[in-house]
């Protein structure tokens, strides 16, 4: 997507261990056995909006059929995936990366378009554009646009802290879009078997 602030690439964050789920979250088929798995669904969402989309993977464990990029350090969580994506984006002439976790079965194109529009309208020194839950105050760092100019902060975090993704970019350099309970569904993510069951229940109730 070409914007006033430069081109944006996409990356699906799919390098987690899925230890709490007990099986690979990226391969879950929430919409039925004949539907795309969550990795394919998430990749399709980003690829429809952006000119390039990669899949972030653990070293030596590529996802067949996708353009994969690999974490340089293991056990550093999604920060390592974002670092790899930002480095790749910078090398290929992109200005930012829209990073999206593969475990959000209700994420939709409208929510991502709003995020990209907010990024375009944000102050020039913004390094991260992301949603924020107005009830809890929690930032949605796993569905966010990160500028390649944020690389020094991410590399510092990776080298010295291994910290939480939502704490890498200083608050004053973030643009946050508040959302209320009625807009929360796209950010529902699957961590445990109970989350998967809840997602299936939600889908069942909506039919």
Protein backbone atom coordinates (compact mmCIF):
# COMPACT_ATOMS: atom_id res chain seq x y z
CA UNK A 1 0.00 0.00 0.00
CA UNK A 2 1.49 3.35 -1.06
CA UNK A 3 0.82 6.14 1.41
CA UNK A 4 2.07 9.63 2.10
CA UNK A 5 4.51 8.17 4.62
CA UNK A 6 5.95 5.52 2.32
CA UNK A 7 5.16 1.93 1.43
CA UNK A 8 3.98 -0.63 3.95
CA UNK A 9 4.68 -4.36 3.81
CA UNK A 10 2.93 -7.05 5.84
CA UNK A 11 4.22 -9.79 8.08
CA UNK A 12 2.30 -12.63 9.69
CA UNK A 13 3.79 -13.45 13.08
CA UNK A 14 3.75 -17.25 13.10
CA UNK A 15 6.93 -18.23 14.92
CA UNK A 16 5.50 -18.85 18.37
CA UNK A 17 5.72 -22.15 20.20
CA UNK A 18 1.94 -22.43 20.81
CA UNK A 19 2.87 -24.03 24.14
CA UNK A 20 -0.32 -22.94 25.92
CA UNK A 21 -2.51 -24.21 23.08
CA UNK A 22 -0.73 -27.57 22.93
CA UNK A 23 -0.70 -27.60 19.11
CA UNK A 24 0.36 -25.27 16.32
CA UNK A 25 -2.08 -22.34 16.37
CA UNK A 26 -1.22 -21.36 12.81
CA UNK A 27 -2.72 -24.60 11.50
CA UNK A 28 -6.06 -24.34 13.34
CA UNK A 29 -9.16 -24.26 11.12
CA UNK A 30 -11.67 -22.26 13.11
CA UNK A 31 -14.18 -21.90 10.28
CA UNK A 32 -14.45 -25.61 9.54
CA UNK A 33 -12.30 -28.45 8.27
CA UNK A 34 -12.60 -27.25 4.66
CA UNK A 35 -11.67 -23.65 5.48
CA UNK A 36 -8.18 -22.11 5.31
CA UNK A 37 -6.08 -22.48 8.44
CA UNK A 38 -5.36 -19.37 10.52
CA UNK A 39 -1.99 -18.79 8.88
CA UNK A 40 -3.54 -18.83 5.40
CA UNK A 41 -6.45 -16.63 6.51
CA UNK A 42 -4.15 -14.04 8.08
CA UNK A 43 -1.77 -14.03 5.11
CA UNK A 44 -4.69 -13.54 2.71
CA UNK A 45 -5.93 -10.56 4.73
CA UNK A 46 -2.57 -8.80 4.56
CA UNK A 47 -1.78 -9.77 0.99
CA UNK A 48 -5.07 -8.22 -0.18
CA UNK A 49 -4.11 -4.87 1.38
CA UNK A 50 -0.36 -4.65 0.88
CA UNK A 51 2.12 -5.19 -1.99
CA UNK A 52 4.28 -7.64 -0.04
CA UNK A 53 3.60 -10.07 2.78
CA UNK A 54 6.07 -12.30 4.62
CA UNK A 55 5.61 -14.97 7.26
CA UNK A 56 7.80 -14.76 10.34
CA UNK A 57 9.14 -18.16 11.39
CA UNK A 58 11.46 -19.72 13.91
CA UNK A 59 14.95 -20.50 12.55
CA UNK A 60 15.01 -23.64 10.45
CA UNK A 61 11.23 -24.09 10.54
CA UNK A 62 9.83 -22.55 7.35
CA UNK A 63 6.16 -22.50 6.48
CA UNK A 64 5.76 -24.19 3.12
CA UNK A 65 4.24 -22.07 0.38
CA UNK A 66 5.06 -18.67 1.90
CA UNK A 67 7.86 -16.11 1.66
CA UNK A 68 9.44 -16.76 5.03
CA UNK A 69 11.73 -14.63 7.14
CA UNK A 70 13.43 -16.03 10.20
CA UNK A 71 14.13 -14.85 13.72
CA UNK A 72 17.83 -14.35 14.38
CA UNK A 73 17.37 -15.09 18.07
CA UNK A 74 15.15 -17.75 19.56
CA UNK A 75 12.97 -17.48 22.65
CA UNK A 76 12.58 -13.72 22.27
CA UNK A 77 8.90 -13.74 21.40
CA UNK A 78 7.35 -11.58 18.70
CA UNK A 79 10.02 -8.87 19.07
CA UNK A 80 12.41 -11.10 17.11
CA UNK A 81 9.85 -11.51 14.34
CA UNK A 82 9.27 -7.78 14.07
CA UNK A 83 13.01 -7.12 13.97
CA UNK A 84 13.43 -9.58 11.09
CA UNK A 85 10.49 -8.01 9.25
CA UNK A 86 11.73 -4.45 9.72
CA UNK A 87 15.21 -5.35 8.50
CA UNK A 88 13.77 -7.09 5.44
CA UNK A 89 11.38 -4.21 4.77
CA UNK A 90 14.16 -1.64 5.01
CA UNK A 91 16.35 -3.64 2.61
CA UNK A 92 13.51 -3.81 0.09
CA UNK A 93 12.57 -0.15 0.21
CA UNK A 94 9.53 -0.27 2.47
CA UNK A 95 8.97 2.36 5.15
CA UNK A 96 6.96 0.28 7.58
CA UNK A 97 5.56 -3.15 8.39
CA UNK A 98 2.05 -4.10 9.41
CA UNK A 99 2.64 -6.96 11.82
CA UNK A 100 -0.29 -9.26 12.54
CA UNK A 101 -0.34 -12.32 14.75
CA UNK A 102 -1.69 -15.46 13.09
CA UNK A 103 -4.01 -16.30 16.02
CA UNK A 104 -6.76 -13.66 15.55
CA UNK A 105 -9.61 -15.51 13.82
CA UNK A 106 -11.94 -12.50 13.69
CA UNK A 107 -9.52 -9.87 12.36
CA UNK A 108 -10.93 -8.16 9.28
CA UNK A 109 -9.88 -5.90 6.43
CA UNK A 110 -11.84 -2.87 7.69
CA UNK A 111 -9.97 -2.88 11.01
CA UNK A 112 -6.63 -3.08 9.19
CA UNK A 113 -7.57 -0.32 6.75
CA UNK A 114 -8.40 1.97 9.69
CA UNK A 115 -5.00 1.17 11.17
CA UNK A 116 -3.22 2.02 7.93
CA UNK A 117 -5.19 5.28 7.60
CA UNK A 118 -4.28 6.24 11.15
CA UNK A 119 -0.63 5.51 10.44
CA UNK A 120 -0.79 7.80 7.41
CA UNK A 121 -2.33 10.62 9.47
CA UNK A 122 -0.02 10.23 12.48
CA UNK A 123 2.69 12.75 13.38
CA UNK A 124 5.86 12.39 11.32
CA UNK A 125 7.92 11.14 14.27
CA UNK A 126 5.51 8.27 15.06
CA UNK A 127 7.25 4.89 15.24
CA UNK A 128 4.27 2.64 15.99
CA UNK A 129 0.57 2.86 15.19
CA UNK A 130 -1.67 0.47 17.09
CA UNK A 131 -5.09 0.00 18.64
CA UNK A 132 -5.76 0.27 22.38
CA UNK A 133 -8.55 -1.28 24.46
CA UNK A 134 -10.19 1.67 26.25
CA UNK A 135 -11.47 -0.57 29.05
CA UNK A 136 -8.18 -2.20 30.05
CA UNK A 137 -5.76 0.29 28.49
CA UNK A 138 -4.01 -2.64 26.81
CA UNK A 139 -2.27 -1.83 23.52
CA UNK A 140 -2.73 -4.28 20.65
CA UNK A 141 0.94 -4.67 19.77
CA UNK A 142 0.32 -7.84 17.72
CA UNK A 143 -1.76 -5.96 15.15
CA UNK A 144 0.26 -2.82 14.60
CA UNK A 145 2.22 -0.80 12.06
CA UNK A 146 5.90 -0.35 12.94
CA UNK A 147 8.13 2.08 11.04
CA UNK A 148 11.54 0.92 9.87
CA UNK A 149 12.93 3.94 11.73
CA UNK A 150 11.96 2.09 14.93
CA UNK A 151 14.63 -0.54 14.25
CA UNK A 152 17.15 0.85 16.78
CA UNK A 153 14.60 0.51 19.58
CA UNK A 154 13.70 -3.03 18.52
CA UNK A 155 17.31 -4.12 18.13
CA UNK A 156 18.13 -2.69 21.54
CA UNK A 157 15.22 -4.59 23.06
CA UNK A 158 16.27 -7.80 21.37
CA UNK A 159 19.88 -7.45 22.46
CA UNK A 160 19.42 -6.38 26.04
CA UNK A 161 15.90 -6.81 27.28
CA UNK A 162 13.90 -9.40 25.38
CA UNK A 163 11.01 -7.29 26.56
CA UNK A 164 7.35 -7.13 25.76
CA UNK A 165 6.47 -5.96 22.28
CA UNK A 166 4.21 -3.17 23.51
CA UNK A 167 7.04 -1.61 25.53
CA UNK A 168 9.67 -1.41 22.82
CA UNK A 169 8.60 1.92 21.30
CA UNK A 170 8.44 4.88 23.72
CA UNK A 171 4.86 5.88 24.49
CA UNK A 172 5.37 9.38 23.12
CA UNK A 173 6.33 7.89 19.74
CA UNK A 174 3.19 5.74 19.52
CA UNK A 175 -0.11 6.61 17.86
CA UNK A 176 -2.91 4.71 19.63
CA UNK A 177 -6.42 4.18 18.29
CA UNK A 178 -8.90 3.56 21.12
CA UNK A 179 -11.63 0.97 20.68
CA UNK A 180 -14.53 0.03 22.91
CA UNK A 181 -16.14 -3.32 23.83
CA UNK A 182 -18.41 -3.22 20.78
CA UNK A 183 -15.32 -3.14 18.53
CA UNK A 184 -13.27 -5.74 20.38
CA UNK A 185 -14.01 -8.89 18.38
CA UNK A 186 -11.22 -8.50 15.77
CA UNK A 187 -8.65 -8.52 18.60
CA UNK A 188 -9.82 -11.80 20.14
CA UNK A 189 -6.83 -14.13 20.03
CA UNK A 190 -6.30 -17.81 20.68
CA UNK A 191 -3.83 -18.76 23.39
CA UNK A 192 -5.42 -21.76 25.10
CA UNK A 193 -7.87 -24.53 24.20
CA UNK A 194 -10.59 -22.60 26.06
CA UNK A 195 -10.06 -19.65 23.71
CA UNK A 196 -10.49 -21.92 20.72
CA UNK A 197 -13.72 -23.29 22.15
CA UNK A 198 -15.00 -19.78 22.79
CA UNK A 199 -14.24 -18.80 19.18
CA UNK A 200 -16.13 -21.83 17.93
CA UNK A 201 -19.05 -20.95 20.22
CA UNK A 202 -19.09 -17.39 18.88
CA UNK A 203 -19.14 -18.65 15.32
CA UNK A 204 -21.85 -21.16 16.14
CA UNK A 205 -24.05 -18.47 17.71
CA UNK A 206 -23.65 -16.20 14.69
CA UNK A 207 -25.01 -18.76 12.23
